[in-house]
Amino acid sequence: MRVGVTGNYASGKGTVCDIFGEFGAYHIDTDVISREISSPGTNGYQRIINCFGNSYLLDSGELDRRKLGKAVFTDPTMLSELTSILYPLILEQTLKLSQDNSKIHMINAPVLFEAGFDRYMDTIIVVSAPLSSSINRGKIRDGLSTEEILSRLENQISLNEKIKAADYVIDNSGTIEQTRIQAEAIWNNLISSK
């Protein structure tokens, strides 16, 4: 079973997937896949360099993800070019990792709807959190400025739209224990519907 876990930037999707992991789910993180399929020596990396040039490389040869992110999230054409490279590769790897239908795979996908990955999911969970929490988490976790975080959020569909399309919503504005209680109730439903 493929369960898409999405929500706005830094809403706590990873934390929610980790909780489901404690219950026995398999966590697939599309951000991790994105880094893997765009690391030096990969097809994705070469295609990004061919498209955007060497100015987005660090001295080590790795992609300068911060610089590239700043550029694409303020230029819709660049963002479209980058996603046309990455999304099919991410989807291919995600589907490969979640083939075993006897297991419950929590697929952490920030752009689940934007990338069209929702079509491949059996169930969708949206994790919601107040904007102020997302900004604080993003600053601490990723070292981004408020402006950088807001530009990323502007390139995602609204939380309300995601909630309308979800099978389940987890409100991640409270304590970790409150989040765990919501996740456990969903897990029990998933187990009984398998």
Protein backbone atom coordinates (compact mmCIF):
# COMPACT_ATOMS: atom_id res chain seq x y z
CA MET A 1 0.00 0.00 0.00
CA ARG A 2 1.30 3.45 -0.95
CA VAL A 3 0.35 6.26 1.42
CA GLY A 4 1.30 9.73 0.23
CA VAL A 5 2.21 12.03 3.11
CA THR A 6 2.25 15.68 2.13
CA GLY A 7 1.67 19.16 3.47
CA ASN A 8 3.32 22.53 3.17
CA TYR A 9 7.05 23.10 3.58
CA ALA A 10 8.36 22.15 7.07
CA SER A 11 4.93 21.12 8.37
CA GLY A 12 6.33 18.02 10.08
CA LYS A 13 5.88 15.36 7.39
CA GLY A 14 9.15 13.63 8.33
CA THR A 15 8.18 13.48 11.99
CA VAL A 16 4.79 11.99 11.08
CA CYS A 17 6.43 9.40 8.81
CA ASP A 18 8.85 8.49 11.62
CA ILE A 19 5.88 7.91 13.94
CA PHE A 20 4.28 5.62 11.35
CA GLY A 21 7.65 3.88 11.11
CA GLU A 22 7.38 3.04 14.81
CA PHE A 23 4.08 1.30 14.01
CA GLY A 24 5.69 -0.74 11.22
CA ALA A 25 5.43 1.42 8.09
CA TYR A 26 8.27 1.83 5.59
CA HIS A 27 9.33 5.46 5.16
CA ILE A 28 10.26 6.64 1.66
CA ASP A 29 11.46 10.26 1.57
CA THR A 30 11.27 11.85 -1.88
CA ASP A 31 13.65 14.64 -0.78
CA VAL A 32 16.30 11.99 -0.07
CA ILE A 33 15.58 10.36 -3.44
CA SER A 34 15.89 13.76 -5.12
CA ARG A 35 19.37 14.24 -3.62
CA GLU A 36 20.39 10.71 -4.62
CA ILE A 37 19.25 10.98 -8.23
CA SER A 38 20.98 14.36 -8.65
CA SER A 39 24.32 13.52 -7.02
CA PRO A 40 27.54 13.60 -9.11
CA GLY A 41 27.75 10.79 -11.64
CA THR A 42 23.99 10.33 -12.01
CA ASN A 43 21.85 10.98 -15.06
CA GLY A 44 19.84 13.59 -13.11
CA TYR A 45 23.00 15.49 -12.13
CA GLN A 46 24.25 15.59 -15.71
CA ARG A 47 20.92 16.77 -17.04
CA ILE A 48 20.78 19.57 -14.43
CA ILE A 49 24.30 20.71 -15.35
CA ASN A 50 23.44 20.55 -19.08
CA CYS A 51 20.35 22.67 -18.44
CA PHE A 52 21.67 25.24 -15.94
CA GLY A 53 25.45 25.19 -16.36
CA ASN A 54 28.40 24.88 -13.99
CA SER A 55 27.62 28.05 -12.04
CA TYR A 56 25.39 25.95 -9.74
CA LEU A 57 28.26 23.69 -8.64
CA LEU A 58 30.27 23.83 -5.44
CA ASP A 59 34.07 23.46 -5.59
CA SER A 60 33.57 19.81 -4.60
CA GLY A 61 31.56 19.19 -7.79
CA GLU A 62 28.31 18.74 -5.83
CA LEU A 63 25.25 20.79 -6.78
CA ASP A 64 24.97 24.05 -4.86
CA ARG A 65 21.41 23.24 -3.82
CA ARG A 66 20.95 26.47 -1.87
CA LYS A 67 21.96 28.63 -4.85
CA LEU A 68 19.90 26.56 -7.29
CA GLY A 69 16.91 26.64 -4.94
CA LYS A 70 17.11 30.41 -4.61
CA ALA A 71 17.18 30.75 -8.39
CA VAL A 72 14.39 28.32 -9.30
CA PHE A 73 11.95 29.44 -6.62
CA THR A 74 12.02 32.97 -8.01
CA ASP A 75 11.93 31.98 -11.71
CA PRO A 76 8.93 29.88 -12.84
CA THR A 77 10.66 28.88 -16.11
CA MET A 78 13.73 27.56 -14.28
CA LEU A 79 11.53 25.76 -11.77
CA SER A 80 9.59 24.11 -14.58
CA GLU A 81 12.82 23.00 -16.28
CA LEU A 82 14.20 21.55 -13.05
CA THR A 83 11.01 19.70 -12.14
CA SER A 84 10.73 18.26 -15.65
CA ILE A 85 14.13 16.65 -15.01
CA LEU A 86 13.62 15.56 -11.42
CA TYR A 87 9.97 14.52 -11.05
CA PRO A 88 10.01 11.55 -13.48
CA LEU A 89 13.25 10.23 -11.92
CA ILE A 90 11.92 10.64 -8.38
CA LEU A 91 8.63 8.94 -9.30
CA GLU A 92 10.42 6.02 -10.96
CA GLN A 93 12.57 5.39 -7.88
CA THR A 94 9.63 5.87 -5.48
CA LEU A 95 7.49 3.32 -7.32
CA LYS A 96 10.40 0.88 -7.42
CA LEU A 97 10.95 1.17 -3.64
CA SER A 98 7.24 0.73 -2.85
CA GLN A 99 6.43 -2.26 -5.07
CA ASP A 100 5.68 -4.70 -2.23
CA ASN A 101 1.94 -4.28 -1.75
CA SER A 102 1.94 -6.36 1.45
CA LYS A 103 3.74 -3.49 3.23
CA ILE A 104 2.51 -0.02 4.08
CA HIS A 105 4.84 2.57 2.53
CA MET A 106 4.67 6.13 3.87
CA ILE A 107 5.83 8.25 0.94
CA ASN A 108 6.94 11.64 2.24
CA ALA A 109 6.34 13.90 -0.78
CA PRO A 110 6.18 17.67 -0.21
CA VAL A 111 5.00 18.20 -3.81
CA LEU A 112 2.75 15.13 -4.04
CA PHE A 113 -0.01 17.01 -5.90
CA GLU A 114 2.22 19.43 -7.78
CA ALA A 115 4.26 16.53 -9.22
CA GLY A 116 1.19 14.41 -10.01
CA PHE A 117 2.37 11.63 -7.66
CA ASP A 118 -1.04 11.55 -5.96
CA ARG A 119 -2.34 9.41 -8.88
CA TYR A 120 -0.09 6.56 -7.73
CA MET A 121 -1.15 6.59 -4.06
CA ASP A 122 -3.74 4.40 -2.40
CA THR A 123 -4.31 6.90 0.41
CA ILE A 124 -3.26 10.50 1.07
CA ILE A 125 -2.44 12.10 4.42
CA VAL A 126 -1.94 15.85 4.71
CA VAL A 127 0.07 17.19 7.63
CA SER A 128 -0.96 20.71 8.61
CA ALA A 129 0.87 23.22 10.76
CA PRO A 130 0.61 26.98 11.25
CA LEU A 131 2.72 29.10 8.90
CA SER A 132 4.73 30.48 11.83
CA SER A 133 5.71 26.93 12.88
CA SER A 134 6.74 26.04 9.32
CA ILE A 135 8.89 29.16 9.05
CA ASN A 136 10.58 28.48 12.39
CA ARG A 137 11.22 24.82 11.51
CA GLY A 138 12.57 25.75 8.08
CA LYS A 139 14.96 28.31 9.56
CA ILE A 140 16.29 25.82 12.12
CA ARG A 141 16.32 22.70 9.91
CA ASP A 142 17.45 24.15 6.58
CA GLY A 143 19.03 27.46 7.56
CA LEU A 144 16.74 29.34 5.17
CA SER A 145 15.55 32.92 5.52
CA THR A 146 11.87 33.79 5.90
CA GLU A 147 11.90 35.12 2.31
CA GLU A 148 13.34 31.85 0.96
CA ILE A 149 10.73 29.82 2.83
CA LEU A 150 7.87 32.01 1.62
CA SER A 151 9.07 31.74 -1.99
CA ARG A 152 9.00 27.95 -1.67
CA LEU A 153 5.50 28.04 -0.20
CA GLU A 154 4.32 30.24 -3.09
CA ASN A 155 5.28 27.43 -5.48
CA GLN A 156 3.13 24.85 -3.66
CA ILE A 157 -0.62 24.55 -3.92
CA SER A 158 -2.41 25.92 -0.86
CA LEU A 159 -2.82 23.87 2.27
CA ASN A 160 -6.61 24.19 1.94
CA GLU A 161 -6.50 22.63 -1.54
CA LYS A 162 -4.35 19.77 -0.24
CA ILE A 163 -6.72 19.17 2.67
CA LYS A 164 -9.70 18.97 0.30
CA ALA A 165 -7.94 16.19 -1.64
CA ALA A 166 -6.76 14.25 1.44
CA ASP A 167 -8.17 11.05 2.90
CA TYR A 168 -6.77 12.01 6.32
CA VAL A 169 -5.43 15.21 7.91
CA ILE A 170 -3.00 15.33 10.82
CA ASP A 171 -2.92 18.60 12.75
CA ASN A 172 0.72 18.99 13.76
CA SER A 173 0.28 22.23 15.70
CA GLY A 174 0.26 20.61 19.13
CA THR A 175 2.54 18.28 21.04
CA ILE A 176 4.30 15.25 19.57
CA GLU A 177 1.98 13.08 21.66
CA GLN A 178 -1.11 14.71 20.11
CA THR A 179 0.35 14.04 16.67
CA ARG A 180 1.10 10.43 17.63
CA ILE A 181 -2.50 9.85 18.76
CA GLN A 182 -3.83 11.07 15.39
CA ALA A 183 -1.30 8.95 13.50
CA GLU A 184 -2.18 5.84 15.51
CA ALA A 185 -5.88 6.20 14.71
CA ILE A 186 -5.05 6.47 10.99
CA TRP A 187 -2.64 3.51 11.23
CA ASN A 188 -5.38 1.34 12.74
CA ASN A 189 -7.69 2.29 9.85
CA LEU A 190 -4.97 1.49 7.29
CA ILE A 191 -4.26 -1.88 8.88
CA SER A 192 -7.95 -2.83 8.96
CA SER A 193 -8.46 -1.79 5.32
CA LYS A 194 -5.52 -3.82 3.96
